Amino acid sequence: MYKTAIAGIALLTLAGCNHTPQSGALTGAAVGAGAGAVVGGIASGTATGVAVGAAVGGAAGAIIGAVASRPGYCYARDAYGNRIIVACPPGYRG
């Protein structure tokens, strides 16, 4: 369990050193995987929980990281409630 926490902290530390806009997905994936592994390990106490948490966190982090580095785009909801990415309205400062 402690090894997982140390690995997660190491990933978060390394991800913080990367500042290029092109690497938003990579940074998001690293942070998401590290956080997901820690949460999965704490919640389940098993190696499977750590692996599942890392996979889910990494995927979510990659998606969010890729979009977060795209200025001029916002999140919106479609008619069915699904979250979609659209161009921000003119004059929007987010």
N, C-alpha and C. Protein backbone atom coordinates (compact mmCIF):
# COMPACT_ATOMS: atom_id res chain seq x y z
N MET A 1 0.81 -1.19 0.00
CA MET A 1 0.00 0.00 0.00
C MET A 1 0.86 1.26 0.00
N TYR A 2 1.91 1.26 0.83
CA TYR A 2 2.78 2.43 0.89
C TYR A 2 3.56 2.61 -0.40
N LYS A 3 3.91 1.49 -1.05
CA LYS A 3 4.61 1.58 -2.32
C LYS A 3 3.75 2.27 -3.36
N THR A 4 2.46 1.99 -3.34
CA THR A 4 1.53 2.61 -4.28
C THR A 4 1.44 4.11 -4.02
N ALA A 5 1.35 4.48 -2.75
CA ALA A 5 1.27 5.90 -2.41
C ALA A 5 2.54 6.63 -2.84
N ILE A 6 3.69 6.01 -2.63
CA ILE A 6 4.95 6.63 -3.03
C ILE A 6 5.03 6.77 -4.54
N ALA A 7 4.57 5.73 -5.26
CA ALA A 7 4.57 5.80 -6.72
C ALA A 7 3.64 6.91 -7.21
N GLY A 8 2.49 7.04 -6.58
CA GLY A 8 1.55 8.11 -6.96
C GLY A 8 2.13 9.48 -6.72
N ILE A 9 2.79 9.66 -5.60
CA ILE A 9 3.41 10.95 -5.30
C ILE A 9 4.53 11.25 -6.30
N ALA A 10 5.29 10.22 -6.65
CA ALA A 10 6.36 10.42 -7.64
C ALA A 10 5.79 10.83 -8.99
N LEU A 11 4.69 10.21 -9.40
CA LEU A 11 4.06 10.59 -10.67
C LEU A 11 3.57 12.03 -10.64
N LEU A 12 2.95 12.41 -9.53
CA LEU A 12 2.46 13.78 -9.42
C LEU A 12 3.61 14.78 -9.46
N THR A 13 4.72 14.43 -8.83
CA THR A 13 5.89 15.31 -8.83
C THR A 13 6.45 15.46 -10.23
N LEU A 14 6.59 14.36 -10.94
CA LEU A 14 7.12 14.43 -12.30
C LEU A 14 6.16 15.15 -13.24
N ALA A 15 4.88 14.96 -13.06
CA ALA A 15 3.91 15.63 -13.93
C ALA A 15 3.95 17.14 -13.72
N GLY A 16 4.25 17.58 -12.53
CA GLY A 16 4.33 19.01 -12.25
C GLY A 16 5.50 19.69 -12.93
N CYS A 17 6.50 18.94 -13.37
CA CYS A 17 7.68 19.52 -14.02
C CYS A 17 7.46 19.77 -15.50
N ASN A 18 6.37 19.34 -16.04
CA ASN A 18 6.13 19.40 -17.48
C ASN A 18 5.16 20.54 -17.78
N HIS A 19 5.61 21.58 -18.49
CA HIS A 19 4.78 22.77 -18.69
C HIS A 19 4.43 23.08 -20.14
N THR A 20 4.75 22.22 -21.08
CA THR A 20 4.46 22.54 -22.47
C THR A 20 2.99 22.31 -22.77
N PRO A 21 2.37 23.18 -23.57
CA PRO A 21 0.95 23.03 -23.87
C PRO A 21 0.62 21.74 -24.61
N GLN A 22 1.57 21.21 -25.40
CA GLN A 22 1.30 20.01 -26.18
C GLN A 22 1.18 18.77 -25.30
N SER A 23 1.67 18.85 -24.10
CA SER A 23 1.69 17.66 -23.25
C SER A 23 0.57 17.65 -22.22
N GLY A 24 -0.51 18.39 -22.47
CA GLY A 24 -1.61 18.43 -21.52
C GLY A 24 -2.22 17.07 -21.28
N ALA A 25 -2.38 16.27 -22.32
CA ALA A 25 -2.96 14.94 -22.16
C ALA A 25 -2.04 14.04 -21.36
N LEU A 26 -0.74 14.13 -21.62
CA LEU A 26 0.22 13.30 -20.89
C LEU A 26 0.26 13.68 -19.41
N THR A 27 0.29 14.96 -19.13
CA THR A 27 0.30 15.41 -17.74
C THR A 27 -0.99 15.01 -17.05
N GLY A 28 -2.12 15.21 -17.72
CA GLY A 28 -3.40 14.82 -17.14
C GLY A 28 -3.48 13.33 -16.87
N ALA A 29 -2.94 12.53 -17.79
CA ALA A 29 -2.95 11.08 -17.60
C ALA A 29 -2.09 10.68 -16.42
N ALA A 30 -0.92 11.30 -16.28
CA ALA A 30 -0.03 10.96 -15.17
C ALA A 30 -0.64 11.33 -13.83
N VAL A 31 -1.20 12.52 -13.75
CA VAL A 31 -1.83 12.96 -12.50
C VAL A 31 -3.06 12.10 -12.20
N GLY A 32 -3.88 11.84 -13.22
CA GLY A 32 -5.07 11.01 -13.02
C GLY A 32 -4.74 9.59 -12.62
N ALA A 33 -3.72 9.01 -13.24
CA ALA A 33 -3.33 7.64 -12.90
C ALA A 33 -2.78 7.57 -11.49
N GLY A 34 -1.97 8.54 -11.11
CA GLY A 34 -1.43 8.54 -9.75
C GLY A 34 -2.52 8.69 -8.71
N ALA A 35 -3.41 9.65 -8.93
CA ALA A 35 -4.50 9.86 -7.98
C ALA A 35 -5.45 8.67 -7.97
N GLY A 36 -5.75 8.12 -9.15
CA GLY A 36 -6.64 6.96 -9.22
C GLY A 36 -6.06 5.75 -8.53
N ALA A 37 -4.74 5.55 -8.66
CA ALA A 37 -4.10 4.41 -8.00
C ALA A 37 -4.17 4.54 -6.49
N VAL A 38 -3.93 5.74 -5.99
CA VAL A 38 -4.00 5.96 -4.54
C VAL A 38 -5.42 5.75 -4.04
N VAL A 39 -6.39 6.34 -4.71
CA VAL A 39 -7.79 6.20 -4.28
C VAL A 39 -8.25 4.75 -4.40
N GLY A 40 -7.91 4.09 -5.52
CA GLY A 40 -8.28 2.69 -5.70
C GLY A 40 -7.67 1.79 -4.65
N GLY A 41 -6.41 2.06 -4.29
CA GLY A 41 -5.75 1.27 -3.25
C GLY A 41 -6.36 1.47 -1.89
N ILE A 42 -6.68 2.71 -1.57
CA ILE A 42 -7.29 3.00 -0.26
C ILE A 42 -8.69 2.42 -0.19
N ALA A 43 -9.46 2.57 -1.27
CA ALA A 43 -10.85 2.11 -1.26
C ALA A 43 -10.97 0.60 -1.20
N SER A 44 -10.09 -0.12 -1.93
CA SER A 44 -10.24 -1.57 -1.99
C SER A 44 -9.21 -2.32 -1.17
N GLY A 45 -8.03 -1.75 -1.03
CA GLY A 45 -6.97 -2.43 -0.29
C GLY A 45 -6.35 -3.58 -1.06
N THR A 46 -6.60 -3.66 -2.37
CA THR A 46 -6.06 -4.74 -3.18
C THR A 46 -5.28 -4.18 -4.36
N ALA A 47 -4.44 -5.03 -4.94
CA ALA A 47 -3.69 -4.63 -6.13
C ALA A 47 -4.62 -4.40 -7.32
N THR A 48 -5.71 -5.16 -7.38
CA THR A 48 -6.68 -4.97 -8.46
C THR A 48 -7.31 -3.60 -8.37
N GLY A 49 -7.64 -3.17 -7.16
CA GLY A 49 -8.21 -1.84 -6.97
C GLY A 49 -7.25 -0.74 -7.40
N VAL A 50 -5.97 -0.95 -7.12
CA VAL A 50 -4.95 0.02 -7.53
C VAL A 50 -4.88 0.09 -9.05
N ALA A 51 -4.87 -1.07 -9.70
CA ALA A 51 -4.78 -1.11 -11.16
C ALA A 51 -6.00 -0.48 -11.82
N VAL A 52 -7.18 -0.81 -11.32
CA VAL A 52 -8.40 -0.25 -11.89
C VAL A 52 -8.44 1.26 -11.66
N GLY A 53 -8.09 1.70 -10.47
CA GLY A 53 -8.07 3.13 -10.17
C GLY A 53 -7.10 3.88 -11.07
N ALA A 54 -5.92 3.29 -11.29
CA ALA A 54 -4.93 3.93 -12.16
C ALA A 54 -5.42 4.01 -13.60
N ALA A 55 -6.06 2.95 -14.08
CA ALA A 55 -6.55 2.93 -15.46
C ALA A 55 -7.66 3.97 -15.67
N VAL A 56 -8.62 3.99 -14.77
CA VAL A 56 -9.73 4.93 -14.89
C VAL A 56 -9.24 6.36 -14.72
N GLY A 57 -8.41 6.58 -13.71
CA GLY A 57 -7.88 7.93 -13.48
C GLY A 57 -7.02 8.41 -14.63
N GLY A 58 -6.21 7.52 -15.18
CA GLY A 58 -5.36 7.89 -16.31
C GLY A 58 -6.16 8.27 -17.54
N ALA A 59 -7.20 7.50 -17.83
CA ALA A 59 -8.03 7.79 -19.00
C ALA A 59 -8.76 9.12 -18.83
N ALA A 60 -9.36 9.32 -17.66
CA ALA A 60 -10.07 10.58 -17.41
C ALA A 60 -9.11 11.77 -17.43
N GLY A 61 -7.95 11.60 -16.83
CA GLY A 61 -6.97 12.68 -16.81
C GLY A 61 -6.47 13.04 -18.20
N ALA A 62 -6.29 12.05 -19.05
CA ALA A 62 -5.84 12.31 -20.43
C ALA A 62 -6.88 13.11 -21.20
N ILE A 63 -8.13 12.76 -21.03
CA ILE A 63 -9.20 13.48 -21.74
C ILE A 63 -9.29 14.91 -21.25
N ILE A 64 -9.31 15.09 -19.94
CA ILE A 64 -9.42 16.43 -19.38
C ILE A 64 -8.17 17.25 -19.70
N GLY A 65 -7.00 16.64 -19.60
CA GLY A 65 -5.76 17.35 -19.90
C GLY A 65 -5.67 17.80 -21.34
N ALA A 66 -6.17 17.00 -22.25
CA ALA A 66 -6.13 17.36 -23.67
C ALA A 66 -7.03 18.56 -23.96
N VAL A 67 -8.18 18.60 -23.31
CA VAL A 67 -9.13 19.68 -23.56
C VAL A 67 -8.72 20.94 -22.80
N ALA A 68 -8.15 20.78 -21.62
CA ALA A 68 -7.79 21.94 -20.80
C ALA A 68 -6.74 22.81 -21.48
N SER A 69 -5.95 22.23 -22.36
CA SER A 69 -4.90 23.00 -23.02
C SER A 69 -5.38 23.63 -24.33
N ARG A 70 -6.67 23.58 -24.59
CA ARG A 70 -7.22 24.15 -25.83
C ARG A 70 -8.00 25.42 -25.50
N PRO A 71 -7.35 26.58 -25.54
CA PRO A 71 -8.09 27.81 -25.25
C PRO A 71 -9.17 28.06 -26.30
N GLY A 72 -10.27 28.60 -25.85
CA GLY A 72 -11.36 28.90 -26.77
C GLY A 72 -12.41 27.81 -26.84
N TYR A 73 -12.21 26.72 -26.09
CA TYR A 73 -13.19 25.64 -26.07
C TYR A 73 -13.75 25.47 -24.67
N CYS A 74 -15.03 25.14 -24.59
CA CYS A 74 -15.73 25.00 -23.31
C CYS A 74 -16.46 23.66 -23.26
N TYR A 75 -16.87 23.29 -22.06
CA TYR A 75 -17.74 22.13 -21.88
C TYR A 75 -19.19 22.60 -21.92
N ALA A 76 -20.04 21.81 -22.53
CA ALA A 76 -21.47 22.10 -22.57
C ALA A 76 -22.22 20.78 -22.46
N ARG A 77 -23.52 20.84 -22.35
CA ARG A 77 -24.37 19.63 -22.28
C ARG A 77 -25.26 19.60 -23.51
N ASP A 78 -25.41 18.41 -24.10
CA ASP A 78 -26.32 18.28 -25.23
C ASP A 78 -27.73 18.02 -24.71
N ALA A 79 -28.66 17.77 -25.62
CA ALA A 79 -30.07 17.58 -25.24
C ALA A 79 -30.28 16.36 -24.35
N TYR A 80 -29.34 15.42 -24.37
CA TYR A 80 -29.47 14.20 -23.57
C TYR A 80 -28.69 14.28 -22.26
N GLY A 81 -28.04 15.41 -22.00
CA GLY A 81 -27.28 15.57 -20.77
C GLY A 81 -25.84 15.13 -20.86
N ASN A 82 -25.39 14.72 -22.04
CA ASN A 82 -24.00 14.31 -22.21
C ASN A 82 -23.10 15.54 -22.28
N ARG A 83 -21.92 15.45 -21.69
CA ARG A 83 -20.98 16.56 -21.74
C ARG A 83 -20.25 16.53 -23.07
N ILE A 84 -20.23 17.68 -23.75
CA ILE A 84 -19.57 17.80 -25.04
C ILE A 84 -18.63 19.00 -25.02
N ILE A 85 -17.72 19.06 -25.99
CA ILE A 85 -16.78 20.16 -26.12
C ILE A 85 -17.22 21.03 -27.28
N VAL A 86 -17.39 22.33 -27.01
CA VAL A 86 -17.83 23.27 -28.03
C VAL A 86 -16.96 24.52 -27.98
N ALA A 87 -17.02 25.33 -29.04
CA ALA A 87 -16.33 26.61 -29.03
C ALA A 87 -17.03 27.53 -28.02
N CYS A 88 -16.25 28.25 -27.24
CA CYS A 88 -16.82 29.15 -26.24
C CYS A 88 -17.56 30.30 -26.93
N PRO A 89 -18.60 30.83 -26.29
CA PRO A 89 -19.32 31.96 -26.88
C PRO A 89 -18.41 33.19 -26.98
N PRO A 90 -18.67 34.08 -27.93
CA PRO A 90 -17.85 35.29 -28.06
C PRO A 90 -17.87 36.10 -26.76
N GLY A 91 -16.73 36.58 -26.35
CA GLY A 91 -16.63 37.39 -25.14
C GLY A 91 -16.52 36.60 -23.85
N TYR A 92 -16.58 35.27 -23.92
CA TYR A 92 -16.49 34.45 -22.71
C TYR A 92 -15.06 34.42 -22.20
N ARG A 93 -14.89 34.63 -20.91
CA ARG A 93 -13.57 34.54 -20.29
C ARG A 93 -13.65 33.50 -19.19
N GLY A 94 -13.08 32.34 -19.46
CA GLY A 94 -13.17 31.25 -18.49
C GLY A 94 -11.91 30.87 -17.83
